[in-house]
Amino acid sequence: VADKILESFNEPLSLRQGDVFVSTSIGVATYQKHVSSNADDLLRHADTAMYRAKDAGRNCVAIFDESMLERVTQRLAVETALYRALERRELRLVHQPIVDIELGDVVGFEALMRWTRDDGSIISPAEFIPIAEETGIIVPIGAWALIEALTHLRGWIDAGICPETASMSVNVSPRQLHDPQFVTVVTEALASSGIPAEQLWLEVTESVMITEPTQALASLHRLNALGVRIAIDDFGTGYSSLSLLQRFPIQCIKIDRAFVNDVVTEPATQNIVRTIIAMAIAMGADIVAEGVETTEQLAQLTSLHCHRAQGYLFSRPVHVDDVPRVVKFIEDPTNWREITGRS
């Protein structure tokens, strides 16, 4: 029956505006005594399976099993704990340096969120960030992360650990861009920390441009008018068109680690990276390669005229207290030669 329903949606719906294709996600549950005690349980399990079909790429069928129930229970526990994580001070920021490849200087940082619960268990960002976005908790958490990151940068600049022009990159979700108070939150964070607007980089993914172009465009233009700079994160994985990219106020493109991984071994990937860099130059945008792990990758990126990079080759994301030590290590000429393999 489910397959027949799916098949029926293969044909377009004819509307006055033209043909429209619609996909459907189907969840199926069957009555089992040890799992379902009433009709409400059965409907809830079918609903759970339907969301699994969505997660699997949509336009397909998923059949409920008990493992799904375990995952739903786990998700609910994470969601409930996340509401209290901020006030319990379980959340913290770690920072990964962004390096000028030619000079060997640390020119900025990317702030990344981590969550360690009271019981010592660590929740992966891949697990809790999507939940935070879906529930809206990302709005207060994101506001906290913004002021925390800029305060950290202010402290490092004042202590002479990094140059006065050092930047701070903070990831921003579509949910935050929808928040009418977000521009005010950014303005207040800049004023509180004393960091100039142009030293704050807000990172958004290509998906923002695809799924919410109108809302995102309005918010990003307002932020850009303040002097804040906008970076496209994980570039090359979101299938955005060049015409769409032109409409957005983009000052930095970050090359996704998937391309960096293959840039040494795959000629096709080298050509893609070369094209991305050429496009960034034509747009007048900075370029940063993410996920650099080997000296060979660094050498290849340098030959392709990429000037900035971050990744495990230089440093993993580190606790705020470890940043001074890491910056000093990277910028030591002897260590830099060892990191890059240059004589």
Protein backbone atom coordinates (compact mmCIF):
# COMPACT_ATOMS: atom_id res chain seq x y z
CA VAL A 1 0.00 0.00 0.00
CA ALA A 2 2.78 2.41 0.91
CA ASP A 3 4.59 1.68 -2.37
CA LYS A 4 1.42 2.43 -4.31
CA ILE A 5 1.05 5.75 -2.50
CA LEU A 6 4.65 6.65 -3.32
CA GLU A 7 4.13 5.68 -6.95
CA SER A 8 1.03 7.86 -7.21
CA PHE A 9 3.16 10.89 -6.39
CA ASN A 10 5.49 10.27 -9.35
CA GLU A 11 3.09 12.16 -11.61
CA PRO A 12 3.08 15.97 -11.36
CA LEU A 13 0.11 17.96 -10.10
CA SER A 14 -1.19 20.35 -12.74
CA LEU A 15 -1.77 23.83 -11.34
CA ARG A 16 -2.46 27.13 -13.07
CA GLN A 17 1.13 28.15 -12.41
CA GLY A 18 2.42 24.95 -14.00
CA ASP A 19 3.24 21.38 -13.04
CA VAL A 20 4.32 20.75 -9.46
CA PHE A 21 6.07 17.63 -8.18
CA VAL A 22 5.34 16.60 -4.59
CA SER A 23 7.18 13.95 -2.59
CA THR A 24 5.87 12.06 0.43
CA SER A 25 7.46 10.41 3.45
CA ILE A 26 5.63 7.44 4.95
CA GLY A 27 5.95 5.82 8.37
CA VAL A 28 4.49 2.40 9.08
CA ALA A 29 3.86 0.75 12.45
CA THR A 30 2.28 -2.62 13.24
CA TYR A 31 0.65 -3.62 16.49
CA GLN A 32 2.93 -5.54 18.87
CA LYS A 33 1.79 -6.31 22.40
CA HIS A 34 5.13 -5.65 24.09
CA VAL A 35 5.54 -2.27 22.35
CA SER A 36 2.05 -0.84 21.76
CA SER A 37 -0.66 -0.87 24.42
CA ASN A 38 -3.27 1.24 22.62
CA ALA A 39 -4.11 3.07 19.38
CA ASP A 40 -2.30 6.23 20.49
CA ASP A 41 0.96 4.28 20.83
CA LEU A 42 0.48 2.84 17.35
CA LEU A 43 -0.07 6.27 15.81
CA ARG A 44 2.90 7.71 17.70
CA HIS A 45 5.16 4.92 16.45
CA ALA A 46 4.01 5.46 12.87
CA ASP A 47 4.80 9.15 13.31
CA THR A 48 8.27 8.26 14.62
CA ALA A 49 8.87 6.04 11.57
CA MET A 50 7.70 8.85 9.27
CA TYR A 51 10.36 11.17 10.68
CA ARG A 52 12.93 8.43 10.12
CA ALA A 53 11.81 8.37 6.45
CA LYS A 54 12.41 12.12 6.30
CA ASP A 55 15.86 11.74 7.82
CA ALA A 56 16.64 9.04 5.24
CA GLY A 57 16.22 11.53 2.41
CA ARG A 58 12.42 11.81 2.11
CA ASN A 59 10.17 10.26 -0.54
CA CYS A 60 10.51 6.79 0.99
CA VAL A 61 8.95 4.37 3.49
CA ALA A 62 10.27 3.56 6.97
CA ILE A 63 8.92 0.78 9.19
CA PHE A 64 8.94 1.29 12.95
CA ASP A 65 11.16 -0.87 15.14
CA GLU A 66 12.08 -0.69 18.82
CA SER A 67 15.47 0.87 18.12
CA MET A 68 13.63 3.95 16.87
CA LEU A 69 11.87 4.23 20.21
CA GLU A 70 15.23 4.13 21.98
CA ARG A 71 16.53 6.91 19.75
CA VAL A 72 13.42 9.02 20.38
CA THR A 73 13.83 8.53 24.13
CA GLN A 74 17.50 9.53 23.89
CA ARG A 75 16.66 12.60 21.83
CA LEU A 76 14.01 13.67 24.35
CA ALA A 77 16.51 13.30 27.18
CA VAL A 78 19.07 15.43 25.30
CA GLU A 79 16.45 18.05 24.46
CA THR A 80 15.29 18.28 28.08
CA ALA A 81 18.86 18.59 29.40
CA LEU A 82 19.76 21.17 26.77
CA TYR A 83 17.16 23.60 28.14
CA ARG A 84 19.15 23.74 31.40
CA ALA A 85 22.66 23.40 29.97
CA LEU A 86 23.31 27.13 29.66
CA GLU A 87 22.27 28.06 33.20
CA ARG A 88 24.19 25.08 34.57
CA ARG A 89 27.31 26.29 32.74
CA GLU A 90 27.72 22.97 30.99
CA LEU A 91 28.37 24.64 27.64
CA ARG A 92 31.78 26.02 26.73
CA LEU A 93 33.63 27.31 23.70
CA VAL A 94 36.81 25.90 22.21
CA HIS A 95 38.84 27.79 19.62
CA GLN A 96 40.73 26.70 16.50
CA PRO A 97 43.37 29.10 15.14
CA ILE A 98 43.17 30.40 11.56
CA VAL A 99 46.66 30.81 10.12
CA ASP A 100 48.20 32.98 7.42
CA ILE A 101 49.99 30.31 5.38
CA GLU A 102 52.62 32.67 3.95
CA LEU A 103 53.57 34.44 7.18
CA GLY A 104 52.97 31.70 9.74
CA ASP A 105 50.91 34.09 11.87
CA VAL A 106 47.67 33.35 13.69
CA VAL A 107 45.24 35.89 12.22
CA GLY A 108 41.99 34.68 13.70
CA PHE A 109 40.02 31.98 15.47
CA GLU A 110 36.88 29.95 14.96
CA ALA A 111 34.72 29.43 18.05
CA LEU A 112 33.14 25.99 18.38
CA MET A 113 30.62 24.88 21.00
CA ARG A 114 31.08 21.88 23.30
CA TRP A 115 28.74 20.35 25.88
CA THR A 116 29.82 18.31 28.91
CA ARG A 117 26.95 17.36 31.22
CA ASP A 118 27.11 17.35 35.01
CA ASP A 119 27.56 13.59 35.03
CA GLY A 120 30.66 13.93 32.84
CA SER A 121 29.07 12.62 29.66
CA ILE A 122 29.99 14.49 26.47
CA ILE A 123 27.27 15.26 23.93
CA SER A 124 28.50 15.64 20.36
CA PRO A 125 27.71 18.94 18.58
CA ALA A 126 26.40 16.80 15.70
CA GLU A 127 23.74 15.57 18.12
CA PHE A 128 22.78 18.64 20.12
CA ILE A 129 23.13 21.49 17.57
CA PRO A 130 20.35 20.17 15.26
CA ILE A 131 18.09 19.73 18.32
CA ALA A 132 18.92 23.26 19.46
CA GLU A 133 17.99 24.61 16.02
CA GLU A 134 14.73 22.67 15.78
CA THR A 135 13.58 23.71 19.26
CA GLY A 136 14.77 27.30 19.05
CA ILE A 137 17.17 26.91 21.98
CA ILE A 138 19.91 27.90 19.55
CA VAL A 139 18.78 31.54 19.85
CA PRO A 140 19.79 32.09 23.52
CA ILE A 141 22.72 29.66 23.21
CA GLY A 142 23.93 31.48 20.10
CA ALA A 143 23.69 34.86 21.84
CA TRP A 144 25.77 33.51 24.72
CA ALA A 145 28.37 32.05 22.33
CA LEU A 146 28.70 35.36 20.49
CA ILE A 147 29.47 37.47 23.55
CA GLU A 148 31.66 34.72 25.03
CA ALA A 149 33.75 34.42 21.85
CA LEU A 150 34.23 38.17 21.46
CA THR A 151 35.13 38.53 25.15
CA HIS A 152 37.78 35.85 24.72
CA LEU A 153 39.20 37.66 21.69
CA ARG A 154 39.27 40.96 23.59
CA GLY A 155 41.28 39.32 26.38
CA TRP A 156 43.84 37.81 23.97
CA ILE A 157 44.29 41.12 22.13
CA ASP A 158 44.73 43.06 25.38
CA ALA A 159 47.29 40.49 26.59
CA GLY A 160 49.27 40.77 23.34
CA ILE A 161 48.66 37.13 22.46
CA CYS A 162 47.30 37.96 19.01
CA PRO A 163 47.33 41.12 16.85
CA GLU A 164 44.76 43.86 17.31
CA THR A 165 43.33 42.97 13.90
CA ALA A 166 42.68 39.30 14.78
CA SER A 167 39.22 38.05 13.81
CA MET A 168 36.71 35.79 15.53
CA SER A 169 34.49 33.46 13.47
CA VAL A 170 31.18 32.37 14.99
CA ASN A 171 28.72 29.99 13.35
CA VAL A 172 25.18 31.27 12.86
CA SER A 173 22.12 29.10 12.22
CA PRO A 174 19.08 29.91 10.05
CA ARG A 175 17.00 30.06 13.24
CA GLN A 176 19.17 32.89 14.56
CA LEU A 177 18.85 34.82 11.31
CA HIS A 178 15.06 34.56 11.70
CA ASP A 179 15.22 36.10 15.17
CA PRO A 180 14.18 39.78 14.86
CA GLN A 181 16.49 40.60 17.80
CA PHE A 182 19.59 39.00 16.29
CA VAL A 183 21.06 42.20 14.85
CA THR A 184 20.58 43.85 18.26
CA VAL A 185 22.28 40.87 19.94
CA VAL A 186 25.29 41.25 17.61
CA THR A 187 25.45 45.02 18.14
CA GLU A 188 25.38 44.65 21.92
CA ALA A 189 28.03 41.91 21.88
CA LEU A 190 30.36 44.11 19.83
CA ALA A 191 29.79 47.10 22.12
CA SER A 192 30.27 45.03 25.28
CA SER A 193 33.52 43.45 24.10
CA GLY A 194 34.94 46.51 22.37
CA ILE A 195 35.75 44.45 19.28
CA PRO A 196 35.39 46.37 15.97
CA ALA A 197 32.58 45.01 13.79
CA GLU A 198 34.91 44.11 10.92
CA GLN A 199 36.75 41.64 13.17
CA LEU A 200 33.63 39.55 13.68
CA TRP A 201 33.03 36.90 11.02
CA LEU A 202 29.61 35.27 11.03
CA GLU A 203 29.70 31.89 9.30
CA VAL A 204 26.60 30.61 7.51
CA THR A 205 26.18 27.50 5.38
CA GLU A 206 25.10 27.41 1.75
CA SER A 207 21.82 25.84 2.83
CA VAL A 208 20.80 29.21 4.30
CA MET A 209 20.95 30.75 0.84
CA ILE A 210 18.95 27.90 -0.70
CA THR A 211 16.18 27.34 1.84
CA GLU A 212 15.70 30.85 3.25
CA PRO A 213 17.13 33.28 0.67
CA THR A 214 14.80 36.22 1.36
CA GLN A 215 14.96 36.17 5.17
CA ALA A 216 18.67 35.39 5.27
CA LEU A 217 19.48 38.08 2.71
CA ALA A 218 17.69 40.79 4.71
CA SER A 219 19.39 39.82 7.99
CA LEU A 220 22.84 39.47 6.48
CA HIS A 221 22.62 42.84 4.70
CA ARG A 222 21.70 44.51 8.00
CA LEU A 223 24.65 42.84 9.72
CA ASN A 224 26.98 43.71 6.87
CA ALA A 225 25.89 47.35 7.13
CA LEU A 226 27.21 47.32 10.70
CA GLY A 227 30.61 46.30 9.35
CA VAL A 228 30.29 42.63 10.33
CA ARG A 229 31.74 40.30 7.71
CA ILE A 230 29.98 37.22 6.38
CA ALA A 231 31.64 33.89 5.54
CA ILE A 232 30.19 30.91 3.67
CA ASP A 233 31.11 27.75 5.60
CA ASP A 234 31.67 24.32 4.01
CA PHE A 235 31.57 25.89 0.55
CA GLY A 236 30.95 23.51 -2.34
CA THR A 237 28.64 21.08 -0.53
CA GLY A 238 25.33 22.96 -0.67
CA TYR A 239 24.68 23.22 -4.42
CA SER A 240 24.01 26.94 -4.37
CA SER A 241 24.00 28.71 -7.72
CA LEU A 242 26.49 31.41 -8.61
CA SER A 243 23.65 33.84 -9.26
CA LEU A 244 22.40 33.28 -5.71
CA LEU A 245 25.90 33.66 -4.31
CA GLN A 246 26.23 37.03 -6.05
CA ARG A 247 23.19 38.40 -4.21
CA PHE A 248 24.63 37.73 -0.77
CA PRO A 249 27.14 40.03 0.99
CA ILE A 250 29.94 37.45 1.17
CA GLN A 251 33.46 38.49 2.25
CA CYS A 252 34.96 35.05 2.89
CA ILE A 253 34.62 31.56 1.42
CA LYS A 254 35.70 28.55 3.48
CA ILE A 255 36.70 25.52 1.41
CA ASP A 256 35.09 22.39 2.82
CA ARG A 257 37.38 19.73 4.31
CA ALA A 258 36.00 17.18 1.82
CA PHE A 259 37.88 19.00 -0.94
CA VAL A 260 40.99 19.53 1.20
CA ASN A 261 41.15 15.77 1.94
CA ASP A 262 41.52 14.95 -1.77
CA VAL A 263 43.37 18.02 -3.00
CA VAL A 264 46.71 16.16 -3.17
CA THR A 265 45.56 12.92 -4.79
CA GLU A 266 42.68 13.92 -7.07
CA PRO A 267 43.37 16.22 -10.08
CA ALA A 268 39.62 16.90 -10.41
CA THR A 269 39.51 18.14 -6.81
CA GLN A 270 42.53 20.34 -7.46
CA ASN A 271 40.65 21.95 -10.34
CA ILE A 272 37.58 22.50 -8.16
CA VAL A 273 39.66 24.15 -5.43
CA ARG A 274 41.47 26.26 -8.04
CA THR A 275 38.09 27.40 -9.37
CA ILE A 276 36.75 28.24 -5.90
CA ILE A 277 39.85 30.31 -5.16
CA ALA A 278 39.61 32.12 -8.50
CA MET A 279 35.94 32.86 -7.84
CA ALA A 280 36.73 34.21 -4.36
CA ILE A 281 39.41 36.48 -5.80
CA ALA A 282 36.97 37.73 -8.45
CA MET A 283 34.44 38.49 -5.71
CA GLY A 284 37.06 40.25 -3.62
CA ALA A 285 36.54 37.71 -0.86
CA ASP A 286 39.04 36.08 1.49
CA ILE A 287 39.56 32.31 1.29
CA VAL A 288 40.17 29.85 4.15
CA ALA A 289 40.80 26.12 3.74
CA GLU A 290 39.29 23.96 6.49
CA GLY A 291 40.47 20.62 7.80
CA VAL A 292 44.13 20.86 6.76
CA GLU A 293 45.90 17.86 8.30
CA THR A 294 49.09 17.21 6.31
CA THR A 295 52.03 19.19 5.00
CA GLU A 296 51.24 17.85 1.51
CA GLN A 297 47.76 19.37 1.64
CA LEU A 298 49.21 22.66 2.84
CA ALA A 299 51.80 22.71 0.04
CA GLN A 300 49.13 22.00 -2.59
CA LEU A 301 46.84 24.72 -1.23
CA THR A 302 49.74 27.17 -1.20
CA SER A 303 50.50 26.39 -4.85
CA LEU A 304 46.84 27.09 -5.65
CA HIS A 305 47.17 30.53 -3.97
CA CYS A 306 45.10 29.81 -0.87
CA HIS A 307 46.43 32.16 1.81
CA ARG A 308 44.67 31.08 5.01
CA ALA A 309 43.96 27.71 6.60
CA GLN A 310 42.87 25.93 9.75
CA GLY A 311 43.05 22.30 10.80
CA TYR A 312 44.79 19.70 12.92
CA LEU A 313 48.11 20.36 11.18
CA PHE A 314 48.27 23.61 13.14
CA SER A 315 46.06 22.86 16.13
CA ARG A 316 42.93 21.09 17.25
CA PRO A 317 40.20 23.28 18.77
CA VAL A 318 41.50 24.07 22.26
CA HIS A 319 40.21 25.39 25.59
CA VAL A 320 40.37 29.16 26.03
CA ASP A 321 43.20 28.82 28.59
CA ASP A 322 45.35 26.90 26.08
CA VAL A 323 45.10 29.47 23.28
CA PRO A 324 48.15 31.54 24.38
CA ARG A 325 50.35 28.43 24.40
CA VAL A 326 49.07 27.24 21.00
CA VAL A 327 49.54 30.64 19.34
CA LYS A 328 53.08 30.89 20.71
CA PHE A 329 53.88 27.38 19.44
CA ILE A 330 52.54 28.01 15.92
CA GLU A 331 54.29 31.36 15.52
CA ASP A 332 57.69 30.09 16.71
CA PRO A 333 59.83 30.04 13.50
CA THR A 334 61.34 26.65 14.31
CA ASN A 335 57.97 25.07 14.97
CA TRP A 336 56.48 26.70 11.85
CA ARG A 337 59.19 25.18 9.66
CA GLU A 338 58.48 21.78 11.22
CA ILE A 339 54.70 22.16 10.76
CA THR A 340 54.97 23.18 7.11
CA GLY A 341 57.98 21.05 6.18
CA ARG A 342 59.72 24.15 4.79
CA SER A 343 63.43 24.72 5.17
